[in-house]
Amino acid sequence: MPVVLEISPADAKRRLSESNKTVLIDVREPEECAVAHLGTAEYIPMSLVPAALQRLEGMAEKGDLLVLCHHGVRSLQVVAWLRECGLENCYSVAGGIDRWSRDLDTAIPRY
């Protein structure tokens, strides 16, 4: 059975609404988050993820980590790295905040 690294924005939204232990991690840069953001996200820029590993491990012990970026490239890289570090319950949000805006919430600005 193939390993699932990505989930759709709709699946991410469903998981977030069903469990207060699921955490959305936004790995975009601060200037990107200033343009468009999801209020429930924890902001950890991709460059700071290694330094935040212990914090992320603690979050992952409680629930799934859903990683978001602009188009899904950086988040997939972060998820692959986290999986290598032993965090199996993390997933990239496919298409990032851009797809989230197109599919789920057009009020979120696209850039």
PDB file of N, CA and C in Angstrom:
ATOM      1  N   MET A   1       0.841  -1.179   0.000  1.00  0.00           N
ATOM      2  CA  MET A   1       0.000   0.000   0.000  1.00  0.00           C
ATOM      3  C   MET A   1       0.892   1.251   0.000  1.00  0.00           C
ATOM      4  N   PRO A   2       0.624   2.188  -0.906  1.00  0.00           N
ATOM      5  CA  PRO A   2       1.477   3.383  -0.981  1.00  0.00           C
ATOM      6  C   PRO A   2       1.317   4.288   0.247  1.00  0.00           C
ATOM      7  N   VAL A   3       2.397   4.952   0.582  1.00  0.00           N
ATOM      8  CA  VAL A   3       2.388   5.886   1.701  1.00  0.00           C
ATOM      9  C   VAL A   3       1.715   7.181   1.255  1.00  0.00           C
ATOM     10  N   VAL A   4       0.757   7.643   2.021  1.00  0.00           N
ATOM     11  CA  VAL A   4       0.043   8.876   1.704  1.00  0.00           C
ATOM     12  C   VAL A   4       0.778  10.053   2.339  1.00  0.00           C
ATOM     13  N   LEU A   5       1.266  10.964   1.487  1.00  0.00           N
ATOM     14  CA  LEU A   5       1.966  12.153   1.976  1.00  0.00           C
ATOM     15  C   LEU A   5       1.116  13.404   1.849  1.00  0.00           C
ATOM     16  N   GLU A   6       0.113  13.374   0.958  1.00  0.00           N
ATOM     17  CA  GLU A   6      -0.702  14.562   0.703  1.00  0.00           C
ATOM     18  C   GLU A   6      -2.185  14.266   0.921  1.00  0.00           C
ATOM     19  N   ILE A   7      -2.897  15.307   1.358  1.00  0.00           N
ATOM     20  CA  ILE A   7      -4.349  15.237   1.443  1.00  0.00           C
ATOM     21  C   ILE A   7      -4.910  16.504   0.792  1.00  0.00           C
ATOM     22  N   SER A   8      -6.140  16.444   0.383  1.00  0.00           N
ATOM     23  CA  SER A   8      -6.771  17.596  -0.261  1.00  0.00           C
ATOM     24  C   SER A   8      -7.110  18.663   0.775  1.00  0.00           C
ATOM     25  N   PRO A   9      -7.281  19.899   0.342  1.00  0.00           N
ATOM     26  CA  PRO A   9      -7.732  20.929   1.273  1.00  0.00           C
ATOM     27  C   PRO A   9      -9.065  20.565   1.941  1.00  0.00           C
ATOM     28  N   ALA A  10      -9.964  19.961   1.195  1.00  0.00           N
ATOM     29  CA  ALA A  10     -11.257  19.572   1.773  1.00  0.00           C
ATOM     30  C   ALA A  10     -11.066  18.551   2.890  1.00  0.00           C
ATOM     31  N   ASP A  11     -10.174  17.584   2.671  1.00  0.00           N
ATOM     32  CA  ASP A  11      -9.897  16.587   3.707  1.00  0.00           C
ATOM     33  C   ASP A  11      -9.224  17.245   4.910  1.00  0.00           C
ATOM     34  N   ALA A  12      -8.315  18.178   4.641  1.00  0.00           N
ATOM     35  CA  ALA A  12      -7.654  18.895   5.739  1.00  0.00           C
ATOM     36  C   ALA A  12      -8.680  19.665   6.570  1.00  0.00           C
ATOM     37  N   LYS A  13      -9.576  20.367   5.905  1.00  0.00           N
ATOM     38  CA  LYS A  13     -10.598  21.138   6.610  1.00  0.00           C
ATOM     39  C   LYS A  13     -11.488  20.222   7.454  1.00  0.00           C
ATOM     40  N   ARG A  14     -11.854  19.079   6.878  1.00  0.00           N
ATOM     41  CA  ARG A  14     -12.674  18.106   7.613  1.00  0.00           C
ATOM     42  C   ARG A  14     -11.937  17.603   8.847  1.00  0.00           C
ATOM     43  N   ARG A  15     -10.665  17.240   8.686  1.00  0.00           N
ATOM     44  CA  ARG A  15      -9.890  16.734   9.821  1.00  0.00           C
ATOM     45  C   ARG A  15      -9.760  17.790  10.919  1.00  0.00           C
ATOM     46  N   LEU A  16      -9.535  19.043  10.503  1.00  0.00           N
ATOM     47  CA  LEU A  16      -9.411  20.126  11.483  1.00  0.00           C
ATOM     48  C   LEU A  16     -10.713  20.342  12.240  1.00  0.00           C
ATOM     49  N   SER A  17     -11.837  20.198  11.565  1.00  0.00           N
ATOM     50  CA  SER A  17     -13.125  20.415  12.224  1.00  0.00           C
ATOM     51  C   SER A  17     -13.520  19.248  13.125  1.00  0.00           C
ATOM     52  N   GLU A  18     -13.019  18.055  12.823  1.00  0.00           N
ATOM     53  CA  GLU A  18     -13.375  16.869  13.599  1.00  0.00           C
ATOM     54  C   GLU A  18     -12.514  16.670  14.841  1.00  0.00           C
ATOM     55  N   SER A  19     -11.326  17.267  14.866  1.00  0.00           N
ATOM     56  CA  SER A  19     -10.437  17.031  15.998  1.00  0.00           C
ATOM     57  C   SER A  19      -9.689  18.302  16.378  1.00  0.00           C
ATOM     58  N   ASN A  20      -9.802  18.682  17.629  1.00  0.00           N
ATOM     59  CA  ASN A  20      -9.051  19.856  18.089  1.00  0.00           C
ATOM     60  C   ASN A  20      -7.589  19.498  18.356  1.00  0.00           C
ATOM     61  N   LYS A  21      -7.213  18.254  18.115  1.00  0.00           N
ATOM     62  CA  LYS A  21      -5.819  17.840  18.281  1.00  0.00           C
ATOM     63  C   LYS A  21      -5.059  17.873  16.965  1.00  0.00           C
ATOM     64  N   THR A  22      -5.769  17.966  15.844  1.00  0.00           N
ATOM     65  CA  THR A  22      -5.124  18.112  14.541  1.00  0.00           C
ATOM     66  C   THR A  22      -4.625  19.542  14.423  1.00  0.00           C
ATOM     67  N   VAL A  23      -3.378  19.706  13.959  1.00  0.00           N
ATOM     68  CA  VAL A  23      -2.775  21.032  13.897  1.00  0.00           C
ATOM     69  C   VAL A  23      -2.398  21.350  12.454  1.00  0.00           C
ATOM     70  N   LEU A  24      -2.735  22.566  12.024  1.00  0.00           N
ATOM     71  CA  LEU A  24      -2.335  23.064  10.714  1.00  0.00           C
ATOM     72  C   LEU A  24      -1.055  23.865  10.891  1.00  0.00           C
ATOM     73  N   ILE A  25       0.006  23.464  10.186  1.00  0.00           N
ATOM     74  CA  ILE A  25       1.303  24.125  10.257  1.00  0.00           C
ATOM     75  C   ILE A  25       1.531  24.856   8.931  1.00  0.00           C
ATOM     76  N   ASP A  26       1.695  26.161   8.983  1.00  0.00           N
ATOM     77  CA  ASP A  26       1.941  26.972   7.789  1.00  0.00           C
ATOM     78  C   ASP A  26       3.436  27.240   7.710  1.00  0.00           C
ATOM     79  N   VAL A  27       4.085  26.742   6.654  1.00  0.00           N
ATOM     80  CA  VAL A  27       5.540  26.861   6.531  1.00  0.00           C
ATOM     81  C   VAL A  27       5.957  27.970   5.561  1.00  0.00           C
ATOM     82  N   ARG A  28       5.028  28.843   5.194  1.00  0.00           N
ATOM     83  CA  ARG A  28       5.369  29.963   4.309  1.00  0.00           C
ATOM     84  C   ARG A  28       6.131  31.035   5.088  1.00  0.00           C
ATOM     85  N   GLU A  29       6.681  31.970   4.346  1.00  0.00           N
ATOM     86  CA  GLU A  29       7.417  33.079   4.941  1.00  0.00           C
ATOM     87  C   GLU A  29       6.436  34.116   5.498  1.00  0.00           C
ATOM     88  N   PRO A  30       6.864  34.911   6.487  1.00  0.00           N
ATOM     89  CA  PRO A  30       5.965  35.894   7.107  1.00  0.00           C
ATOM     90  C   PRO A  30       5.293  36.837   6.113  1.00  0.00           C
ATOM     91  N   GLU A  31       6.036  37.281   5.089  1.00  0.00           N
ATOM     92  CA  GLU A  31       5.429  38.199   4.118  1.00  0.00           C
ATOM     93  C   GLU A  31       4.325  37.519   3.311  1.00  0.00           C
ATOM     94  N   GLU A  32       4.427  36.217   3.101  1.00  0.00           N
ATOM     95  CA  GLU A  32       3.362  35.477   2.420  1.00  0.00           C
ATOM     96  C   GLU A  32       2.136  35.364   3.325  1.00  0.00           C
ATOM     97  N   CYS A  33       2.381  35.098   4.584  1.00  0.00           N
ATOM     98  CA  CYS A  33       1.274  34.973   5.536  1.00  0.00           C
ATOM     99  C   CYS A  33       0.540  36.292   5.712  1.00  0.00           C
ATOM    100  N   ALA A  34       1.247  37.397   5.533  1.00  0.00           N
ATOM    101  CA  ALA A  34       0.610  38.710   5.647  1.00  0.00           C
ATOM    102  C   ALA A  34      -0.388  38.932   4.507  1.00  0.00           C
ATOM    103  N   VAL A  35      -0.155  38.309   3.365  1.00  0.00           N
ATOM    104  CA  VAL A  35      -1.045  38.459   2.207  1.00  0.00           C
ATOM    105  C   VAL A  35      -2.284  37.584   2.359  1.00  0.00           C
ATOM    106  N   ALA A  36      -2.089  36.344   2.771  1.00  0.00           N
ATOM    107  CA  ALA A  36      -3.182  35.382   2.882  1.00  0.00           C
ATOM    108  C   ALA A  36      -2.864  34.414   4.009  1.00  0.00           C
ATOM    109  N   HIS A  37      -3.826  34.191   4.875  1.00  0.00           N
ATOM    110  CA  HIS A  37      -3.572  33.265   5.978  1.00  0.00           C
ATOM    111  C   HIS A  37      -4.853  32.575   6.422  1.00  0.00           C
ATOM    112  N   LEU A  38      -4.649  31.471   7.107  1.00  0.00           N
ATOM    113  CA  LEU A  38      -5.743  30.762   7.760  1.00  0.00           C
ATOM    114  C   LEU A  38      -5.556  30.983   9.250  1.00  0.00           C
ATOM    115  N   GLY A  39      -6.540  31.520   9.892  1.00  0.00           N
ATOM    116  CA  GLY A  39      -6.417  31.929  11.286  1.00  0.00           C
ATOM    117  C   GLY A  39      -6.046  30.838  12.258  1.00  0.00           C
ATOM    118  N   THR A  40      -6.328  29.592  11.924  1.00  0.00           N
ATOM    119  CA  THR A  40      -6.059  28.497  12.856  1.00  0.00           C
ATOM    120  C   THR A  40      -4.653  27.927  12.736  1.00  0.00           C
ATOM    121  N   ALA A  41      -3.871  28.417  11.795  1.00  0.00           N
ATOM    122  CA  ALA A  41      -2.558  27.826  11.520  1.00  0.00           C
ATOM    123  C   ALA A  41      -1.495  28.259  12.519  1.00  0.00           C
ATOM    124  N   GLU A  42      -0.586  27.334  12.796  1.00  0.00           N
ATOM    125  CA  GLU A  42       0.643  27.622  13.541  1.00  0.00           C
ATOM    126  C   GLU A  42       1.676  28.014  12.487  1.00  0.00           C
ATOM    127  N   TYR A  43       2.328  29.141  12.656  1.00  0.00           N
ATOM    128  CA  TYR A  43       3.297  29.597  11.668  1.00  0.00           C
ATOM    129  C   TYR A  43       4.705  29.183  12.065  1.00  0.00           C
ATOM    130  N   ILE A  44       5.298  28.357  11.223  1.00  0.00           N
ATOM    131  CA  ILE A  44       6.685  27.940  11.397  1.00  0.00           C
ATOM    132  C   ILE A  44       7.306  27.969  10.005  1.00  0.00           C
ATOM    133  N   PRO A  45       7.973  29.052   9.625  1.00  0.00           N
ATOM    134  CA  PRO A  45       8.585  29.103   8.295  1.00  0.00           C
ATOM    135  C   PRO A  45       9.469  27.878   8.047  1.00  0.00           C
ATOM    136  N   MET A  46       9.492  27.431   6.815  1.00  0.00           N
ATOM    137  CA  MET A  46      10.220  26.214   6.456  1.00  0.00           C
ATOM    138  C   MET A  46      11.653  26.212   6.992  1.00  0.00           C
ATOM    139  N   SER A  47      12.324  27.340   6.917  1.00  0.00           N
ATOM    140  CA  SER A  47      13.715  27.410   7.373  1.00  0.00           C
ATOM    141  C   SER A  47      13.860  27.167   8.877  1.00  0.00           C
ATOM    142  N   LEU A  48      12.768  27.343   9.627  1.00  0.00           N
ATOM    143  CA  LEU A  48      12.817  27.162  11.076  1.00  0.00           C
ATOM    144  C   LEU A  48      12.273  25.812  11.538  1.00  0.00           C
ATOM    145  N   VAL A  49      11.803  24.992  10.600  1.00  0.00           N
ATOM    146  CA  VAL A  49      11.236  23.693  10.963  1.00  0.00           C
ATOM    147  C   VAL A  49      12.253  22.809  11.694  1.00  0.00           C
ATOM    148  N   PRO A  50      13.507  22.691  11.228  1.00  0.00           N
ATOM    149  CA  PRO A  50      14.443  21.848  11.982  1.00  0.00           C
ATOM    150  C   PRO A  50      14.605  22.285  13.440  1.00  0.00           C
ATOM    151  N   ALA A  51      14.655  23.578  13.685  1.00  0.00           N
ATOM    152  CA  ALA A  51      14.796  24.072  15.058  1.00  0.00           C
ATOM    153  C   ALA A  51      13.537  23.824  15.881  1.00  0.00           C
ATOM    154  N   ALA A  52      12.400  23.645  15.205  1.00  0.00           N
ATOM    155  CA  ALA A  52      11.122  23.429  15.895  1.00  0.00           C
ATOM    156  C   ALA A  52      10.757  21.949  15.987  1.00  0.00           C
ATOM    157  N   LEU A  53      11.693  21.067  15.636  1.00  0.00           N
ATOM    158  CA  LEU A  53      11.382  19.638  15.590  1.00  0.00           C
ATOM    159  C   LEU A  53      10.824  19.114  16.912  1.00  0.00           C
ATOM    160  N   GLN A  54      11.428  19.477  18.008  1.00  0.00           N
ATOM    161  CA  GLN A  54      10.957  18.978  19.305  1.00  0.00           C
ATOM    162  C   GLN A  54       9.519  19.440  19.562  1.00  0.00           C
ATOM    163  N   ARG A  55       9.221  20.681  19.247  1.00  0.00           N
ATOM    164  CA  ARG A  55       7.863  21.220  19.402  1.00  0.00           C
ATOM    165  C   ARG A  55       6.882  20.460  18.485  1.00  0.00           C
ATOM    166  N   LEU A  56       7.307  20.202  17.255  1.00  0.00           N
ATOM    167  CA  LEU A  56       6.460  19.478  16.305  1.00  0.00           C
ATOM    168  C   LEU A  56       6.225  18.039  16.766  1.00  0.00           C
ATOM    169  N   GLU A  57       7.256  17.419  17.334  1.00  0.00           N
ATOM    170  CA  GLU A  57       7.094  16.067  17.874  1.00  0.00           C
ATOM    171  C   GLU A  57       6.042  16.044  18.976  1.00  0.00           C
ATOM    172  N   GLY A  58       6.058  17.058  19.831  1.00  0.00           N
ATOM    173  CA  GLY A  58       5.059  17.153  20.886  1.00  0.00           C
ATOM    174  C   GLY A  58       3.657  17.313  20.332  1.00  0.00           C
ATOM    175  N   MET A  59       3.506  18.124  19.295  1.00  0.00           N
ATOM    176  CA  MET A  59       2.201  18.294  18.651  1.00  0.00           C
ATOM    177  C   MET A  59       1.745  16.992  18.006  1.00  0.00           C
ATOM    178  N   ALA A  60       2.681  16.284  17.361  1.00  0.00           N
ATOM    179  CA  ALA A  60       2.346  15.052  16.654  1.00  0.00           C
ATOM    180  C   ALA A  60       1.954  13.929  17.611  1.00  0.00           C
ATOM    181  N   GLU A  61       2.414  13.999  18.846  1.00  0.00           N
ATOM    182  CA  GLU A  61       2.013  12.996  19.843  1.00  0.00           C
ATOM    183  C   GLU A  61       0.528  13.121  20.169  1.00  0.00           C
ATOM    184  N   LYS A  62      -0.034  14.312  19.982  1.00  0.00           N
ATOM    185  CA  LYS A  62      -1.436  14.568  20.322  1.00  0.00           C
ATOM    186  C   LYS A  62      -2.376  14.391  19.143  1.00  0.00           C
ATOM    187  N   GLY A  63      -1.874  14.629  17.909  1.00  0.00           N
ATOM    188  CA  GLY A  63      -2.738  14.531  16.741  1.00  0.00           C
ATOM    189  C   GLY A  63      -1.957  14.715  15.459  1.00  0.00           C
ATOM    190  N   ASP A  64      -2.683  14.691  14.346  1.00  0.00           N
ATOM    191  CA  ASP A  64      -2.053  14.830  13.038  1.00  0.00           C
ATOM    192  C   ASP A  64      -1.538  16.239  12.805  1.00  0.00           C
ATOM    193  N   LEU A  65      -0.463  16.329  12.026  1.00  0.00           N
ATOM    194  CA  LEU A  65       0.078  17.610  11.580  1.00  0.00           C
ATOM    195  C   LEU A  65      -0.237  17.745  10.095  1.00  0.00           C
ATOM    196  N   LEU A  66      -0.903  18.827   9.736  1.00  0.00           N
ATOM    197  CA  LEU A  66      -1.230  19.124   8.347  1.00  0.00           C
ATOM    198  C   LEU A  66      -0.386  20.320   7.947  1.00  0.00           C
ATOM    199  N   VAL A  67       0.477  20.148   6.957  1.00  0.00           N
ATOM    200  CA  VAL A  67       1.453  21.169   6.599  1.00  0.00           C
ATOM    201  C   VAL A  67       1.006  21.874   5.320  1.00  0.00           C
ATOM    202  N   LEU A  68       1.042  23.203   5.362  1.00  0.00           N
ATOM    203  CA  LEU A  68       0.529  24.047   4.291  1.00  0.00           C
ATOM    204  C   LEU A  68       1.593  25.036   3.840  1.00  0.00           C
ATOM    205  N   CYS A  69       1.654  25.275   2.530  1.00  0.00           N
ATOM    206  CA  CYS A  69       2.497  26.343   1.987  1.00  0.00           C
ATOM    207  C   CYS A  69       1.702  27.043   0.894  1.00  0.00           C
ATOM    208  N   HIS A  70       2.372  27.649  -0.080  1.00  0.00           N
ATOM    209  CA  HIS A  70       1.666  28.382  -1.130  1.00  0.00           C
ATOM    210  C   HIS A  70       1.016  27.436  -2.144  1.00  0.00           C
ATOM    211  N   HIS A  71       1.818  26.555  -2.752  1.00  0.00           N
ATOM    212  CA  HIS A  71       1.289  25.642  -3.764  1.00  0.00           C
ATOM    213  C   HIS A  71       1.463  24.161  -3.433  1.00  0.00           C
ATOM    214  N   GLY A  72       2.040  23.847  -2.304  1.00  0.00           N
ATOM    215  CA  GLY A  72       2.185  22.460  -1.891  1.00  0.00           C
ATOM    216  C   GLY A  72       3.560  21.854  -2.091  1.00  0.00           C
ATOM    217  N   VAL A  73       4.506  22.614  -2.631  1.00  0.00           N
ATOM    218  CA  VAL A  73       5.846  22.078  -2.872  1.00  0.00           C
ATOM    219  C   VAL A  73       6.660  22.053  -1.568  1.00  0.00           C
ATOM    220  N   ARG A  74       6.744  23.188  -0.901  1.00  0.00           N
ATOM    221  CA  ARG A  74       7.511  23.250   0.347  1.00  0.00           C
ATOM    222  C   ARG A  74       6.896  22.361   1.421  1.00  0.00           C
ATOM    223  N   SER A  75       5.573  22.353   1.508  1.00  0.00           N
ATOM    224  CA  SER A  75       4.924  21.533   2.531  1.00  0.00           C
ATOM    225  C   SER A  75       5.213  20.054   2.301  1.00  0.00           C
ATOM    226  N   LEU A  76       5.261  19.622   1.053  1.00  0.00           N
ATOM    227  CA  LEU A  76       5.584  18.229   0.760  1.00  0.00           C
ATOM    228  C   LEU A  76       7.023  17.917   1.156  1.00  0.00           C
ATOM    229  N   GLN A  77       7.939  18.857   0.930  1.00  0.00           N
ATOM    230  CA  GLN A  77       9.331  18.668   1.353  1.00  0.00           C
ATOM    231  C   GLN A  77       9.425  18.569   2.876  1.00  0.00           C
ATOM    232  N   VAL A  78       8.677  19.421   3.568  1.00  0.00           N
ATOM    233  CA  VAL A  78       8.691  19.395   5.037  1.00  0.00           C
ATOM    234  C   VAL A  78       8.121  18.070   5.545  1.00  0.00           C
ATOM    235  N   VAL A  79       7.027  17.621   4.958  1.00  0.00           N
ATOM    236  CA  VAL A  79       6.428  16.352   5.382  1.00  0.00           C
ATOM    237  C   VAL A  79       7.391  15.195   5.132  1.00  0.00           C
ATOM    238  N   ALA A  80       8.062  15.175   3.989  1.00  0.00           N
ATOM    239  CA  ALA A  80       9.033  14.111   3.713  1.00  0.00           C
ATOM    240  C   ALA A  80      10.141  14.114   4.768  1.00  0.00           C
ATOM    241  N   TRP A  81      10.615  15.307   5.127  1.00  0.00           N
ATOM    242  CA  TRP A  81      11.671  15.412   6.136  1.00  0.00           C
ATOM    243  C   TRP A  81      11.156  14.969   7.514  1.00  0.00           C
ATOM    244  N   LEU A  82       9.954  15.405   7.876  1.00  0.00           N
ATOM    245  CA  LEU A  82       9.387  15.011   9.167  1.00  0.00           C
ATOM    246  C   LEU A  82       9.195  13.497   9.241  1.00  0.00           C
ATOM    247  N   ARG A  83       8.770  12.901   8.139  1.00  0.00           N
ATOM    248  CA  ARG A  83       8.610  11.439   8.111  1.00  0.00           C
ATOM    249  C   ARG A  83       9.967  10.768   8.328  1.00  0.00           C
ATOM    250  N   GLU A  84      11.032  11.309   7.710  1.00  0.00           N
ATOM    251  CA  GLU A  84      12.377  10.760   7.919  1.00  0.00           C
ATOM    252  C   GLU A  84      12.793  10.860   9.380  1.00  0.00           C
ATOM    253  N   CYS A  85      12.269  11.877  10.057  1.00  0.00           N
ATOM    254  CA  CYS A  85      12.574  12.077  11.481  1.00  0.00           C
ATOM    255  C   CYS A  85      11.684  11.232  12.389  1.00  0.00           C
ATOM    256  N   GLY A  86      10.773  10.458  11.800  1.00  0.00           N
ATOM    257  CA  GLY A  86       9.942   9.560  12.586  1.00  0.00           C
ATOM    258  C   GLY A  86       8.526  10.024  12.849  1.00  0.00           C
ATOM    259  N   LEU A  87       8.132  11.166  12.335  1.00  0.00           N
ATOM    260  CA  LEU A  87       6.757  11.653  12.526  1.00  0.00           C
ATOM    261  C   LEU A  87       5.898  11.122  11.383  1.00  0.00           C
ATOM    262  N   GLU A  88       5.170  10.062  11.646  1.00  0.00           N
ATOM    263  CA  GLU A  88       4.398   9.390  10.601  1.00  0.00           C
ATOM    264  C   GLU A  88       3.046  10.048  10.335  1.00  0.00           C
ATOM    265  N   ASN A  89       2.526  10.785  11.280  1.00  0.00           N
ATOM    266  CA  ASN A  89       1.176  11.344  11.143  1.00  0.00           C
ATOM    267  C   ASN A  89       1.202  12.811  10.711  1.00  0.00           C
ATOM    268  N   CYS A  90       1.929  13.074   9.645  1.00  0.00           N
ATOM    269  CA  CYS A  90       1.948  14.416   9.078  1.00  0.00           C
ATOM    270  C   CYS A  90       1.668  14.313   7.586  1.00  0.00           C
ATOM    271  N   TYR A  91       0.967  15.322   7.070  1.00  0.00           N
ATOM    272  CA  TYR A  91       0.502  15.298   5.690  1.00  0.00           C
ATOM    273  C   TYR A  91       0.608  16.698   5.094  1.00  0.00           C
ATOM    274  N   SER A  92       0.970  16.762   3.825  1.00  0.00           N
ATOM    275  CA  SER A  92       0.996  18.018   3.095  1.00  0.00           C
ATOM    276  C   SER A  92      -0.402  18.302   2.557  1.00  0.00           C
ATOM    277  N   VAL A  93      -0.819  19.557   2.634  1.00  0.00           N
ATOM    278  CA  VAL A  93      -2.093  19.963   2.039  1.00  0.00           C
ATOM    279  C   VAL A  93      -1.815  20.239   0.558  1.00  0.00           C
ATOM    280  N   ALA A  94      -2.311  19.369  -0.301  1.00  0.00           N
ATOM    281  CA  ALA A  94      -2.046  19.443  -1.734  1.00  0.00           C
ATOM    282  C   ALA A  94      -2.530  20.765  -2.320  1.00  0.00           C
ATOM    283  N   GLY A  95      -1.657  21.418  -3.073  1.00  0.00           N
ATOM    284  CA  GLY A  95      -2.020  22.681  -3.719  1.00  0.00           C
ATOM    285  C   GLY A  95      -1.910  23.890  -2.825  1.00  0.00           C
ATOM    286  N   GLY A  96      -1.616  23.677  -1.544  1.00  0.00           N
ATOM    287  CA  GLY A  96      -1.384  24.767  -0.610  1.00  0.00           C
ATOM    288  C   GLY A  96      -2.558  25.709  -0.412  1.00  0.00           C
ATOM    289  N   ILE A  97      -2.230  26.888   0.074  1.00  0.00           N
ATOM    290  CA  ILE A  97      -3.264  27.878   0.358  1.00  0.00           C
ATOM    291  C   ILE A  97      -3.921  28.371  -0.934  1.00  0.00           C
ATOM    292  N   ASP A  98      -3.193  28.268  -2.052  1.00  0.00           N
ATOM    293  CA  ASP A  98      -3.776  28.664  -3.329  1.00  0.00           C
ATOM    294  C   ASP A  98      -4.962  27.770  -3.668  1.00  0.00           C
ATOM    295  N   ARG A  99      -4.802  26.470  -3.546  1.00  0.00           N
ATOM    296  CA  ARG A  99      -5.911  25.541  -3.825  1.00  0.00           C
ATOM    297  C   ARG A  99      -7.000  25.675  -2.761  1.00  0.00           C
ATOM    298  N   TRP A 100      -6.607  25.905  -1.509  1.00  0.00           N
ATOM    299  CA  TRP A 100      -7.590  26.104  -0.440  1.00  0.00           C
ATOM    300  C   TRP A 100      -8.492  27.273  -0.814  1.00  0.00           C
ATOM    301  N   SER A 101      -7.882  28.353  -1.291  1.00  0.00           N
ATOM    302  CA  SER A 101      -8.645  29.532  -1.696  1.00  0.00           C
ATOM    303  C   SER A 101      -9.573  29.206  -2.873  1.00  0.00           C
ATOM    304  N   ARG A 102      -9.077  28.505  -3.869  1.00  0.00           N
ATOM    305  CA  ARG A 102      -9.883  28.169  -5.051  1.00  0.00           C
ATOM    306  C   ARG A 102     -11.006  27.196  -4.723  1.00  0.00           C
ATOM    307  N   ASP A 103     -10.715  26.182  -3.897  1.00  0.00           N
ATOM    308  CA  ASP A 103     -11.680  25.108  -3.649  1.00  0.00           C
ATOM    309  C   ASP A 103     -12.629  25.364  -2.485  1.00  0.00           C
ATOM    310  N   LEU A 104     -12.147  26.061  -1.439  1.00  0.00           N
ATOM    311  CA  LEU A 104     -12.920  26.118  -0.198  1.00  0.00           C
ATOM    312  C   LEU A 104     -13.323  27.508   0.265  1.00  0.00           C
ATOM    313  N   ASP A 105     -12.476  28.507   0.040  1.00  0.00           N
ATOM    314  CA  ASP A 105     -12.739  29.822   0.615  1.00  0.00           C
ATOM    315  C   ASP A 105     -12.180  30.917  -0.285  1.00  0.00           C
ATOM    316  N   THR A 106     -13.003  31.400  -1.208  1.00  0.00           N
ATOM    317  CA  THR A 106     -12.538  32.412  -2.164  1.00  0.00           C
ATOM    318  C   THR A 106     -12.258  33.756  -1.511  1.00  0.00           C
ATOM    319  N   ALA A 107     -12.603  33.907  -0.239  1.00  0.00           N
ATOM    320  CA  ALA A 107     -12.277  35.150   0.474  1.00  0.00           C
ATOM    321  C   ALA A 107     -10.788  35.232   0.799  1.00  0.00           C
ATOM    322  N   ILE A 108     -10.096  34.091   0.765  1.00  0.00           N
ATOM    323  CA  ILE A 108      -8.645  34.083   0.994  1.00  0.00           C
ATOM    324  C   ILE A 108      -7.978  34.586  -0.284  1.00  0.00           C
ATOM    325  N   PRO A 109      -7.212  35.686  -0.189  1.00  0.00           N
ATOM    326  CA  PRO A 109      -6.569  36.236  -1.389  1.00  0.00           C
ATOM    327  C   PRO A 109      -5.594  35.239  -2.019  1.00  0.00           C
ATOM    328  N   ARG A 110      -5.567  35.250  -3.339  1.00  0.00           N
ATOM    329  CA  ARG A 110      -4.588  34.461  -4.078  1.00  0.00           C
ATOM    330  C   ARG A 110      -3.457  35.386  -4.490  1.00  0.00           C
ATOM    331  N   TYR A 111      -2.250  34.861  -4.510  1.00  0.00           N
ATOM    332  CA  TYR A 111      -1.093  35.669  -4.913  1.00  0.00           C
ATOM    333  C   TYR A 111      -0.151  34.860  -5.743  1.00  0.00           C
TER     334      TYR A 111
END
